[in-house]
């Protein structure tokens, strides 16, 4: 079709008709930008303050969806087909009702705080079709200055923050040193727009490789009522926090997210209303307020949220917590942007989303993770490296569960629901603190997956002191986390080498486990060292049972669960 024929299709009685001239209209390729108006369509230029210069562009997309660009930095001119993504505001009339910033519409506002010609903040307001609770109010803060913000599907003008390439290369700005604030609500149902529900979600990039090595998610759960607004209101108090860490810093291209453990906090939390951050250049011209159902966000002069520097001190030092949760990604298959999703203190053997098991949460791993719970915060969010396995555990935890997925068959991706894969049988290890001193002293195994524990180890009965050095994370830097990971992996690996020596002394052939005898990374030393030692322990156990040597059996258990193989020499 020639240009003149195209023009005749898109122009009729001065109105643009639906056309498919835009090259990326509903192709199988990713939509990355607002579709331009069709060929031949002439945008309207509006002078809002009567200064003789255009302040707004009224236009349409290729498929006839009305859009309005507002010029907030004074550089708009006639002939422009769109505004800029530096300091302008885009209003999309998704329902084509003639109103732009209203029910069913989408607003995207870019803010250049330091006047360097690049946006530092992007605000997205996704209004529901009806004036009820729902929608989105989301603010992305570009603290690493990579100019990556929210991700929208421009074919249907919807937020799709979770869309990604490969394993976990998300289009949303989750990677690097970045942050966002978000609530699933319309602004007109919010009393104070300075606050937010995810307030904030912080991503840390301490090694400046463009990947996130830590993430802290802070929640101000809506609680209060407002008679003039729908839904519950934010109160400026954080009551839920998760802190996720990529301990061994093995994220990379193709494996952008690889968090190893998450520490969670629940309770009264802390007041954060003193965490004020000025906003300089959000305010557009007052004459444009008429286009917004709720123009209050454009009038904000500050946002209130804990930032990258203050979040961790506030959580550990100001927070009043009633419960601490801990989860470790033992099969190392978590590629979510938020965290290793928590297991819940529920049935260790029931499996499936909302089935009442430890994996009850729809984003948790069906098997492969280890969860522990301190239900009264007696341990004050401290960890320890145990003697019985050399791994990190939660001090104060009354109980814990490890669902073994040795070969990562039940992959923990960005969303578990689409996989619809749950194991029918799985090995389970149960932990408990029977003497109530904050340290695990009872380990029970169900290795055949029949939901019955076939062996139980009682550290107290073996005469092993379960107490360990406590690890206070409150002032940890990322270098401290990396050092902890190396220390843990080194300890496990060295114990495995001692186990090899002891096994050989008793005539056990360790060459069966040659695969695990090789380790070049922190993760391999952690994982291979654990399994090499455990298998040799079980081989020695079988040998001593065969020999009916109960004394050596007891010393084997003492050696393995104390981490001191010299007891068996």
Protein backbone atom coordinates (compact mmCIF):
# COMPACT_ATOMS: atom_id res chain seq x y z
CA UNK A 1 0.00 0.00 0.00
CA UNK A 2 1.41 3.40 -0.96
CA UNK A 3 1.71 6.47 1.25
CA UNK A 4 -1.34 8.21 -0.30
CA UNK A 5 -3.44 5.10 0.25
CA UNK A 6 -2.28 4.92 3.84
CA UNK A 7 -3.19 8.54 4.39
CA UNK A 8 -6.65 7.97 2.96
CA UNK A 9 -7.16 5.15 5.45
CA UNK A 10 -6.17 7.17 8.49
CA UNK A 11 -7.78 10.52 7.68
CA UNK A 12 -11.51 10.87 7.31
CA UNK A 13 -13.48 13.98 8.24
CA UNK A 14 -10.48 15.26 10.13
CA UNK A 15 -10.49 12.21 12.43
CA UNK A 16 -7.95 9.42 12.56
CA UNK A 17 -9.26 5.93 12.04
CA UNK A 18 -7.78 2.66 13.26
CA UNK A 19 -4.77 1.57 11.24
CA UNK A 20 -1.94 -0.93 11.50
CA UNK A 21 0.78 1.25 10.03
CA UNK A 22 3.00 1.25 13.12
CA UNK A 23 5.60 -1.45 12.52
CA UNK A 24 5.43 -2.97 16.04
CA UNK A 25 1.67 -3.08 16.35
CA UNK A 26 0.79 -6.44 17.92
CA UNK A 27 3.83 -8.21 16.51
CA UNK A 28 5.50 -10.99 18.48
CA UNK A 29 8.23 -8.53 19.51
CA UNK A 30 8.43 -6.68 22.82
CA UNK A 31 6.72 -3.30 22.89
CA UNK A 32 9.13 -0.71 24.28
CA UNK A 33 7.62 2.70 23.51
CA UNK A 34 4.43 4.66 23.12
CA UNK A 35 3.19 4.02 19.56
CA UNK A 36 3.35 7.23 17.50
CA UNK A 37 0.33 8.74 15.72
CA UNK A 38 -0.47 7.30 12.29
CA UNK A 39 1.01 8.89 9.18
CA UNK A 40 -0.79 12.05 8.17
CA UNK A 41 -2.35 12.71 11.56
CA UNK A 42 -1.82 16.29 12.75
CA UNK A 43 -1.57 16.72 16.54
CA UNK A 44 -3.24 19.71 18.19
CA UNK A 45 -1.03 22.13 20.11
CA UNK A 46 -2.51 23.82 23.18
CA UNK A 47 -1.28 27.03 24.78
CA UNK A 48 -2.47 26.74 28.37
CA UNK A 49 -1.01 29.95 29.80
CA UNK A 50 -1.47 32.20 26.74
CA UNK A 51 2.22 32.93 26.30
CA UNK A 52 2.18 32.09 22.60
CA UNK A 53 4.04 28.76 23.02
CA UNK A 54 2.54 25.26 23.09
CA UNK A 55 2.23 23.67 26.52
CA UNK A 56 0.45 20.47 25.51
CA UNK A 57 0.16 18.11 22.55
CA UNK A 58 -3.17 16.41 22.00
CA UNK A 59 -2.66 13.37 19.79
CA UNK A 60 -3.50 9.71 19.29
CA UNK A 61 -1.61 6.46 19.04
CA UNK A 62 -1.50 4.32 15.91
CA UNK A 63 -4.72 2.57 16.93
CA UNK A 64 -6.67 5.68 17.81
CA UNK A 65 -6.12 5.87 21.58
CA UNK A 66 -6.12 9.57 22.64
CA UNK A 67 -3.02 10.84 24.43
CA UNK A 68 -2.08 14.18 25.94
CA UNK A 69 1.49 15.36 26.48
CA UNK A 70 2.07 18.13 29.03
CA UNK A 71 5.25 20.17 28.75
CA UNK A 72 6.76 20.61 32.23
CA UNK A 73 10.19 21.92 31.25
CA UNK A 74 9.30 24.56 28.67
CA UNK A 75 10.91 23.03 25.58
CA UNK A 76 7.84 21.95 23.61
CA UNK A 77 7.39 23.39 20.13
CA UNK A 78 4.98 23.06 17.25
CA UNK A 79 5.92 20.21 14.96
CA UNK A 80 6.76 17.86 17.85
CA UNK A 81 4.90 14.58 17.63
CA UNK A 82 5.38 13.80 21.32
CA UNK A 83 6.74 15.28 24.51
CA UNK A 84 10.04 14.28 26.12
CA UNK A 85 10.80 11.57 28.66
CA UNK A 86 12.89 13.93 30.74
CA UNK A 87 10.39 16.21 32.47
CA UNK A 88 7.08 15.90 30.65
CA UNK A 89 3.85 14.16 31.60
CA UNK A 90 1.91 11.72 29.42
CA UNK A 91 -1.81 11.10 29.92
CA UNK A 92 -3.43 8.19 28.07
CA UNK A 93 -7.21 8.10 27.66
CA UNK A 94 -7.40 4.32 27.58
CA UNK A 95 -11.19 4.15 27.65
CA UNK A 96 -11.54 6.93 25.05
CA UNK A 97 -14.11 8.83 27.08
CA UNK A 98 -12.59 12.22 26.38
CA UNK A 99 -11.04 12.53 29.86
CA UNK A 100 -7.34 11.92 30.35
CA UNK A 101 -6.26 11.65 34.01
CA UNK A 102 -9.46 9.95 35.14
CA UNK A 103 -11.04 6.54 35.73
CA UNK A 104 -9.57 3.85 33.49
CA UNK A 105 -6.71 6.08 32.36
CA UNK A 106 -2.92 5.88 32.63
CA UNK A 107 -0.57 8.69 33.67
CA UNK A 108 3.22 8.63 33.27
CA UNK A 109 5.18 11.57 34.63
CA UNK A 110 8.96 12.00 34.25
CA UNK A 111 10.77 14.32 36.67
CA UNK A 112 14.26 15.79 36.19
CA UNK A 113 15.25 16.78 39.71
CA UNK A 114 18.72 18.14 38.99
CA UNK A 115 18.04 19.78 35.60
CA UNK A 116 20.64 17.72 33.78
CA UNK A 117 18.32 16.74 30.96
CA UNK A 118 17.67 13.21 32.27
CA UNK A 119 14.75 12.02 34.37
CA UNK A 120 15.55 11.07 37.96
CA UNK A 121 12.06 9.92 38.84
CA UNK A 122 9.10 8.39 37.03
CA UNK A 123 5.58 8.35 38.41
CA UNK A 124 3.01 5.93 37.00
CA UNK A 125 -0.67 6.19 37.96
CA UNK A 126 -2.85 3.38 36.69
CA UNK A 127 -6.48 4.19 37.44
CA UNK A 128 -9.09 1.41 37.68
CA UNK A 129 -12.12 1.56 35.41
CA UNK A 130 -14.47 2.18 38.33
CA UNK A 131 -13.96 4.52 41.31
CA UNK A 132 -13.15 1.77 43.75
CA UNK A 133 -10.09 0.34 45.48
CA UNK A 134 -7.58 -0.86 42.90
CA UNK A 135 -5.12 0.46 40.35
CA UNK A 136 -1.51 1.46 40.92
CA UNK A 137 0.43 4.45 42.17
CA UNK A 138 4.12 3.76 41.56
CA UNK A 139 7.21 5.93 41.79
CA UNK A 140 10.55 4.71 40.41
CA UNK A 141 13.68 6.49 41.68
CA UNK A 142 16.65 6.25 39.31
CA UNK A 143 19.40 6.41 41.92
CA UNK A 144 21.94 4.66 39.69
CA UNK A 145 21.21 7.03 36.79
CA UNK A 146 20.77 4.35 34.14
CA UNK A 147 17.54 5.96 32.84
CA UNK A 148 15.65 2.66 33.25
CA UNK A 149 12.23 3.01 34.86
CA UNK A 150 8.92 1.17 34.81
CA UNK A 151 7.93 -1.29 32.13
CA UNK A 152 4.60 -1.05 30.35
CA UNK A 153 3.05 -3.12 27.63
CA UNK A 154 2.38 -0.39 25.07
CA UNK A 155 0.04 -2.58 23.06
CA UNK A 156 -2.58 -2.52 25.83
CA UNK A 157 -1.14 0.23 28.07
CA UNK A 158 -0.78 -1.99 31.15
CA UNK A 159 1.91 -2.26 33.81
CA UNK A 160 3.92 -5.45 33.39
CA UNK A 161 6.73 -4.94 35.89
CA UNK A 162 7.48 -8.66 36.01
CA UNK A 163 8.16 -9.11 32.29
CA UNK A 164 11.71 -10.22 31.60
CA UNK A 165 14.20 -11.63 29.16
CA UNK A 166 15.91 -14.93 29.87
CA UNK A 167 15.96 -16.16 33.44
CA UNK A 168 15.63 -12.90 35.34
CA UNK A 169 16.63 -9.89 33.24
CA UNK A 170 13.59 -7.80 34.16
CA UNK A 171 12.56 -4.84 32.05
CA UNK A 172 11.49 -3.04 35.22
CA UNK A 173 14.38 -1.26 36.94
CA UNK A 174 15.10 -3.87 39.60
CA UNK A 175 18.80 -4.20 38.77
CA UNK A 176 21.50 -1.95 40.13
CA UNK A 177 21.24 0.73 42.81
CA UNK A 178 17.61 1.70 42.45
CA UNK A 179 14.32 2.02 44.30
CA UNK A 180 10.59 2.27 43.85
CA UNK A 181 7.49 3.09 45.89
CA UNK A 182 4.23 1.36 45.06
CA UNK A 183 0.65 0.80 46.18
CA UNK A 184 -2.21 -1.09 44.55
CA UNK A 185 -4.61 1.80 44.89
CA UNK A 186 -5.85 4.92 43.14
CA UNK A 187 -4.42 8.22 44.35
CA UNK A 188 -7.91 9.64 44.99
CA UNK A 189 -8.42 6.92 47.61
CA UNK A 190 -5.23 7.91 49.43
CA UNK A 191 -5.17 10.55 52.14
CA UNK A 192 -1.43 11.27 52.07
CA UNK A 193 0.36 10.78 48.75
CA UNK A 194 3.77 11.29 50.37
CA UNK A 195 3.47 7.78 51.83
CA UNK A 196 3.18 4.46 50.09
CA UNK A 197 2.62 0.75 50.76
CA UNK A 198 5.94 -0.59 49.44
CA UNK A 199 7.70 2.37 50.92
CA UNK A 200 10.21 1.76 49.55
CA UNK A 201 11.57 -1.28 47.72
CA UNK A 202 15.34 -0.77 47.70
CA UNK A 203 17.90 -2.49 45.49
CA UNK A 204 21.61 -2.31 46.28
CA UNK A 205 24.54 -2.62 43.89
CA UNK A 206 27.62 -2.32 46.14
CA UNK A 207 30.06 -3.61 43.49
CA UNK A 208 28.59 -1.32 40.79
CA UNK A 209 28.21 -4.08 38.21
CA UNK A 210 24.67 -3.10 37.29
CA UNK A 211 23.21 -6.10 39.16
CA UNK A 212 21.48 -6.13 42.55
CA UNK A 213 23.30 -7.93 45.37
CA UNK A 214 20.82 -6.93 48.09
CA UNK A 215 17.18 -5.93 48.31
CA UNK A 216 15.21 -4.49 51.22
CA UNK A 217 11.42 -4.40 50.91
CA UNK A 218 9.67 -2.17 53.45
CA UNK A 219 5.89 -2.25 53.94
CA UNK A 220 3.55 0.27 55.54
CA UNK A 221 0.44 -1.89 55.63
CA UNK A 222 -2.77 0.18 55.24
CA UNK A 223 -4.72 0.10 58.52
CA UNK A 224 -6.60 3.31 59.31
CA UNK A 225 -10.03 4.24 57.97
CA UNK A 226 -10.96 7.54 56.33
CA UNK A 227 -14.70 8.26 56.04
CA UNK A 228 -14.13 10.35 52.91
CA UNK A 229 -12.06 7.76 51.02
CA UNK A 230 -12.39 4.13 50.01
CA UNK A 231 -10.08 1.55 51.53
CA UNK A 232 -7.67 1.70 54.43
CA UNK A 233 -5.07 4.40 54.82
CA UNK A 234 -1.33 4.46 55.36
CA UNK A 235 -0.18 5.60 58.78
CA UNK A 236 3.57 6.16 58.37
CA UNK A 237 4.60 3.03 60.29
CA UNK A 238 6.54 0.12 58.83
CA UNK A 239 5.31 -3.25 60.08
CA UNK A 240 6.93 -5.74 57.66
CA UNK A 241 10.44 -5.91 56.19
CA UNK A 242 12.40 -8.41 54.13
CA UNK A 243 16.16 -8.24 53.64
CA UNK A 244 17.52 -10.46 50.86
CA UNK A 245 21.21 -11.01 50.14
CA UNK A 246 23.20 -12.63 47.34
CA UNK A 247 25.81 -13.90 49.76
CA UNK A 248 28.29 -15.26 47.25
CA UNK A 249 27.80 -12.48 44.65
CA UNK A 250 27.35 -14.95 41.81
CA UNK A 251 24.74 -12.99 39.87
CA UNK A 252 25.78 -12.26 36.30
CA UNK A 253 24.44 -11.89 32.79
CA UNK A 254 21.97 -14.73 32.32
CA UNK A 255 21.58 -15.04 36.09
CA UNK A 256 20.73 -11.47 37.05
CA UNK A 257 19.10 -12.34 40.38
CA UNK A 258 20.47 -14.99 42.74
CA UNK A 259 19.54 -14.13 46.32
CA UNK A 260 20.67 -16.80 48.80
CA UNK A 261 18.77 -15.96 51.98
CA UNK A 262 16.10 -13.65 53.28
CA UNK A 263 15.60 -12.32 56.79
CA UNK A 264 12.09 -11.10 57.58
CA UNK A 265 10.68 -8.84 60.29
CA UNK A 266 7.07 -8.58 61.49
CA UNK A 267 5.57 -6.55 64.32
CA UNK A 268 4.97 -2.99 65.48
CA UNK A 269 7.95 -1.89 63.46
CA UNK A 270 8.89 1.77 63.39
CA UNK A 271 7.63 5.22 62.54
CA UNK A 272 9.35 6.64 59.46
CA UNK A 273 7.60 9.99 59.08
CA UNK A 274 10.87 11.80 59.77
CA UNK A 275 12.42 10.28 56.62
CA UNK A 276 11.60 13.22 54.34
CA UNK A 277 12.96 13.70 50.83
CA UNK A 278 12.26 16.97 48.98
CA UNK A 279 10.90 16.88 45.44
CA UNK A 280 11.93 19.93 43.42
CA UNK A 281 10.60 19.75 39.89
CA UNK A 282 7.41 17.71 39.99
CA UNK A 283 5.06 20.66 39.91
CA UNK A 284 3.81 21.40 36.40
CA UNK A 285 1.91 24.49 35.39
CA UNK A 286 -1.26 24.94 37.48
CA UNK A 287 -3.29 25.47 34.31
CA UNK A 288 -2.82 21.76 33.52
CA UNK A 289 -4.45 20.60 36.77
CA UNK A 290 -7.83 20.59 35.03
CA UNK A 291 -6.84 17.45 33.12
CA UNK A 292 -6.36 15.42 36.31
CA UNK A 293 -9.09 13.83 38.39
CA UNK A 294 -6.62 14.05 41.29
CA UNK A 295 -3.84 16.61 40.63
CA UNK A 296 -2.48 16.40 44.20
CA UNK A 297 0.48 14.25 43.24
CA UNK A 298 1.69 17.07 40.95
CA UNK A 299 1.69 19.39 43.96
CA UNK A 300 3.92 17.24 46.16
CA UNK A 301 7.04 18.93 47.50
CA UNK A 302 8.35 15.88 49.37
CA UNK A 303 8.16 12.12 49.63
CA UNK A 304 8.50 10.26 52.92
CA UNK A 305 10.38 6.95 52.88
CA UNK A 306 13.53 5.32 54.34
CA UNK A 307 16.32 5.57 51.77
CA UNK A 308 19.26 3.30 50.92
CA UNK A 309 21.46 4.67 53.69
CA UNK A 310 18.91 4.73 56.50
CA UNK A 311 16.81 1.63 55.83
CA UNK A 312 19.01 -0.96 57.54
CA UNK A 313 19.70 1.12 60.69
CA UNK A 314 15.98 1.88 61.02
CA UNK A 315 15.04 -1.79 60.68
CA UNK A 316 17.57 -3.07 63.20
CA UNK A 317 17.76 -0.21 65.68
CA UNK A 318 14.35 1.48 65.62
CA UNK A 319 12.13 -1.46 64.74
CA UNK A 320 10.05 -3.21 67.40
CA UNK A 321 9.59 -6.71 66.03
CA UNK A 322 7.46 -9.56 67.31
CA UNK A 323 8.56 -12.27 64.90
CA UNK A 324 11.59 -13.03 62.72
CA UNK A 325 11.51 -15.26 59.63
CA UNK A 326 14.46 -16.80 57.85
CA UNK A 327 14.75 -18.74 54.60
CA UNK A 328 17.82 -20.08 52.81
CA UNK A 329 17.81 -21.13 49.15
CA UNK A 330 19.63 -24.44 49.59
CA UNK A 331 19.15 -25.56 45.98
CA UNK A 332 20.29 -22.14 44.72
CA UNK A 333 17.52 -21.79 42.14
CA UNK A 334 15.82 -18.55 43.19
CA UNK A 335 15.72 -15.96 40.42
CA UNK A 336 13.09 -13.62 41.83
CA UNK A 337 13.78 -9.90 42.14
CA UNK A 338 12.31 -9.51 45.64
CA UNK A 339 13.90 -12.20 47.80
CA UNK A 340 14.00 -15.89 48.47
CA UNK A 341 10.30 -16.20 49.30
CA UNK A 342 9.60 -17.27 52.87
CA UNK A 343 8.41 -20.65 53.99
CA UNK A 344 5.65 -20.49 56.59
CA UNK A 345 5.55 -22.38 59.93
CA UNK A 346 2.93 -24.83 58.68
CA UNK A 347 2.70 -28.51 57.82
CA UNK A 348 6.13 -29.74 56.65
CA UNK A 349 4.63 -32.34 54.31
CA UNK A 350 1.66 -30.68 52.63
CA UNK A 351 2.66 -29.20 49.29
CA UNK A 352 1.09 -26.61 46.99
CA UNK A 353 -0.02 -22.99 46.97
CA UNK A 354 -2.48 -22.30 49.80
CA UNK A 355 -2.56 -25.98 50.75
CA UNK A 356 -1.45 -25.37 54.34
CA UNK A 357 2.16 -26.49 54.01
CA UNK A 358 5.41 -24.59 54.52
CA UNK A 359 5.23 -23.59 50.83
CA UNK A 360 1.75 -22.13 51.33
CA UNK A 361 2.80 -18.80 49.77
CA UNK A 362 2.29 -18.84 46.01
CA UNK A 363 5.76 -17.38 45.39
CA UNK A 364 7.67 -19.80 47.60
CA UNK A 365 9.65 -22.75 46.28
CA UNK A 366 7.70 -26.02 46.40
CA UNK A 367 10.87 -27.70 47.62
CA UNK A 368 14.52 -26.80 47.94
CA UNK A 369 14.50 -24.07 50.58
CA UNK A 370 15.08 -24.13 54.33
CA UNK A 371 12.81 -22.06 56.54
CA UNK A 372 13.20 -21.21 60.25
CA UNK A 373 10.97 -19.12 62.49
CA UNK A 374 11.55 -17.17 65.69
CA UNK A 375 7.95 -16.55 66.70
CA UNK A 376 8.71 -14.30 69.68
CA UNK A 377 11.84 -12.50 68.42
CA UNK A 378 13.85 -13.91 71.30
CA UNK A 379 16.91 -14.03 69.04
CA UNK A 380 16.72 -10.38 67.93
CA UNK A 381 17.33 -11.25 64.25
CA UNK A 382 20.77 -12.72 64.88
CA UNK A 383 22.22 -15.70 63.03
CA UNK A 384 24.85 -18.33 63.79
CA UNK A 385 26.96 -20.91 61.99
CA UNK A 386 25.90 -24.21 63.52
CA UNK A 387 28.25 -26.96 64.60
CA UNK A 388 26.01 -29.69 63.22
CA UNK A 389 26.11 -28.62 59.55
CA UNK A 390 28.25 -25.47 59.38
CA UNK A 391 25.38 -23.49 57.85
CA UNK A 392 23.65 -20.26 58.75
CA UNK A 393 20.71 -20.66 61.11
CA UNK A 394 18.34 -18.27 62.86
CA UNK A 395 19.10 -17.75 66.53
CA UNK A 396 15.91 -17.99 68.58
CA UNK A 397 14.09 -20.15 66.05
CA UNK A 398 11.82 -22.64 67.74
CA UNK A 399 11.54 -24.78 64.62
CA UNK A 400 12.58 -25.12 61.01
CA UNK A 401 12.06 -27.22 57.88
CA UNK A 402 14.33 -28.03 54.96
CA UNK A 403 12.64 -29.57 51.95
CA UNK A 404 15.45 -31.12 49.98
CA UNK A 405 15.51 -30.58 46.22
CA UNK A 406 19.05 -31.78 45.67
CA UNK A 407 19.05 -31.27 41.89
CA UNK A 408 16.79 -28.18 41.68
CA UNK A 409 14.07 -30.00 39.77
CA UNK A 410 11.33 -27.75 41.13
CA UNK A 411 12.67 -24.48 39.94
CA UNK A 412 12.00 -21.30 41.90
CA UNK A 413 11.38 -18.80 39.12
CA UNK A 414 9.84 -15.35 39.08
CA UNK A 415 6.37 -16.84 39.48
CA UNK A 416 5.74 -20.37 40.62
CA UNK A 417 2.09 -20.50 39.56
CA UNK A 418 2.75 -20.76 35.82
CA UNK A 419 4.99 -23.79 36.30
CA UNK A 420 2.27 -25.76 38.08
CA UNK A 421 4.87 -28.29 39.20
CA UNK A 422 4.80 -29.68 42.71
CA UNK A 423 6.84 -32.65 43.91
CA UNK A 424 4.92 -35.78 44.83
CA UNK A 425 7.66 -36.94 47.23
CA UNK A 426 10.54 -35.08 48.74
CA UNK A 427 13.11 -35.58 51.46
CA UNK A 428 12.61 -33.44 54.55
CA UNK A 429 14.75 -32.38 57.49
CA UNK A 430 13.02 -31.02 60.60
CA UNK A 431 14.77 -28.80 63.12
CA UNK A 432 13.78 -27.79 66.63
CA UNK A 433 15.17 -26.15 69.75
CA UNK A 434 14.16 -28.55 72.51
CA UNK A 435 16.16 -26.96 75.35
CA UNK A 436 14.90 -23.45 74.49
CA UNK A 437 18.30 -21.79 74.47
CA UNK A 438 17.89 -20.36 70.96
CA UNK A 439 20.02 -22.96 69.15
CA UNK A 440 18.78 -25.98 67.19
CA UNK A 441 19.50 -29.20 69.07
CA UNK A 442 17.18 -31.74 67.42
CA UNK A 443 17.42 -32.81 63.75
CA UNK A 444 14.96 -35.34 62.31
CA UNK A 445 15.22 -36.86 58.83
CA UNK A 446 12.64 -38.17 56.38
CA UNK A 447 14.89 -39.04 53.47
CA UNK A 448 12.58 -41.48 51.70
CA UNK A 449 9.70 -39.02 51.45
CA UNK A 450 7.09 -41.16 53.26
CA UNK A 451 6.34 -38.28 55.67
CA UNK A 452 7.69 -40.31 58.59
CA UNK A 453 11.04 -39.47 60.16
CA UNK A 454 13.29 -42.51 60.17
CA UNK A 455 16.13 -41.05 62.24
CA UNK A 456 16.44 -38.38 64.92
CA UNK A 457 19.59 -36.76 66.28
CA UNK A 458 19.53 -35.18 69.74
CA UNK A 459 22.62 -33.04 70.30
CA UNK A 460 22.03 -32.88 74.05
CA UNK A 461 21.88 -36.67 74.30
CA UNK A 462 25.17 -36.86 72.35
CA UNK A 463 26.78 -34.46 74.80
CA UNK A 464 27.28 -31.76 72.16
CA UNK A 465 27.09 -28.14 73.25
CA UNK A 466 24.71 -26.56 70.73
CA UNK A 467 25.69 -22.98 71.56
CA UNK A 468 27.52 -21.02 68.85
CA UNK A 469 28.93 -17.57 68.24
CA UNK A 470 26.15 -15.12 67.38
CA UNK A 471 26.23 -12.99 64.24
CA UNK A 472 24.74 -9.51 64.56
CA UNK A 473 23.76 -8.21 61.12
CA UNK A 474 22.68 -4.76 62.28
CA UNK A 475 25.81 -3.01 61.03
CA UNK A 476 26.77 -5.40 58.25
CA UNK A 477 27.98 -4.00 54.97
CA UNK A 478 27.85 -6.09 51.83
CA UNK A 479 31.54 -6.88 52.24
CA UNK A 480 30.67 -8.38 55.63
CA UNK A 481 28.05 -10.61 53.98
CA UNK A 482 30.55 -11.74 51.35
CA UNK A 483 33.11 -12.47 54.06
CA UNK A 484 30.51 -14.47 55.97
CA UNK A 485 29.69 -16.52 52.88
CA UNK A 486 33.35 -17.31 52.28
CA UNK A 487 33.89 -18.19 55.93
CA UNK A 488 30.87 -20.51 55.93
CA UNK A 489 31.81 -22.22 52.66
CA UNK A 490 35.44 -22.59 53.74
CA UNK A 491 34.38 -24.18 57.02
CA UNK A 492 32.05 -26.68 55.33
CA UNK A 493 34.65 -27.55 52.70
CA UNK A 494 37.40 -28.09 55.24
CA UNK A 495 35.13 -30.33 57.30
CA UNK A 496 34.44 -32.36 54.17
CA UNK A 497 38.19 -32.83 53.61
CA UNK A 498 38.54 -34.08 57.18
CA UNK A 499 35.64 -36.47 56.56
CA UNK A 500 37.47 -37.83 53.50
CA UNK A 501 40.57 -38.54 55.59
CA UNK A 502 38.55 -40.33 58.27
CA UNK A 503 36.57 -42.32 55.67
CA UNK A 504 39.77 -43.51 54.01
CA UNK A 505 41.18 -44.52 57.37
CA UNK A 506 38.21 -46.82 57.84
CA UNK A 507 38.44 -48.18 54.31
CA UNK A 508 35.49 -46.31 52.84
CA UNK A 509 35.94 -45.62 49.11
CA UNK A 510 35.40 -41.88 48.62
CA UNK A 511 36.00 -42.02 44.85
CA UNK A 512 32.29 -42.66 44.39
CA UNK A 513 31.86 -38.99 45.19
CA UNK A 514 34.49 -37.55 42.90
CA UNK A 515 31.97 -35.08 41.48
CA UNK A 516 31.61 -33.41 44.86
CA UNK A 517 35.33 -33.56 45.57
CA UNK A 518 35.84 -30.70 43.09
CA UNK A 519 34.92 -27.14 44.06
CA UNK A 520 36.15 -23.85 42.62
CA UNK A 521 33.50 -21.34 43.76
CA UNK A 522 32.02 -20.30 47.09
CA UNK A 523 28.73 -21.94 46.15
CA UNK A 524 30.40 -25.21 45.14
CA UNK A 525 32.40 -25.37 48.37
CA UNK A 526 29.18 -24.77 50.32
CA UNK A 527 27.06 -27.29 48.41
CA UNK A 528 29.60 -29.95 47.41
CA UNK A 529 31.21 -29.83 50.83
CA UNK A 530 27.90 -30.45 52.56
CA UNK A 531 26.90 -33.41 50.40
CA UNK A 532 30.37 -34.98 50.30
CA UNK A 533 30.52 -34.93 54.08
CA UNK A 534 26.95 -36.19 54.52
CA UNK A 535 27.35 -39.13 52.13
CA UNK A 536 30.62 -40.19 53.76
CA UNK A 537 28.94 -39.89 57.17
CA UNK A 538 26.15 -42.21 55.99
CA UNK A 539 28.69 -44.66 54.52
CA UNK A 540 30.55 -44.76 57.81
CA UNK A 541 27.26 -45.21 59.63
CA UNK A 542 26.42 -48.19 57.42
CA UNK A 543 29.88 -49.66 58.03
CA UNK A 544 29.62 -49.42 61.82
CA UNK A 545 26.10 -50.85 61.79
CA UNK A 546 27.42 -53.76 59.72
CA UNK A 547 30.23 -54.21 62.23
CA UNK A 548 27.77 -53.88 65.16
CA UNK A 549 30.09 -51.29 66.66
CA UNK A 550 27.74 -49.12 68.73
CA UNK A 551 30.57 -47.23 70.39
CA UNK A 552 31.95 -46.07 67.06
CA UNK A 553 28.44 -45.24 65.87
CA UNK A 554 28.03 -42.89 68.79
CA UNK A 555 31.44 -41.33 68.18
CA UNK A 556 30.59 -40.96 64.48
CA UNK A 557 27.48 -38.99 65.39
CA UNK A 558 29.43 -36.89 67.84
CA UNK A 559 32.11 -36.21 65.22
CA UNK A 560 29.70 -35.31 62.42
CA UNK A 561 27.27 -33.18 64.45
CA UNK A 562 29.95 -31.35 66.37
CA UNK A 563 32.01 -30.71 63.23
CA UNK A 564 35.02 -32.29 64.91
CA UNK A 565 36.10 -35.35 62.90
CA UNK A 566 39.13 -35.81 65.14
CA UNK A 567 36.78 -37.50 67.63
CA UNK A 568 36.76 -40.53 65.33
CA UNK A 569 40.49 -40.78 64.76
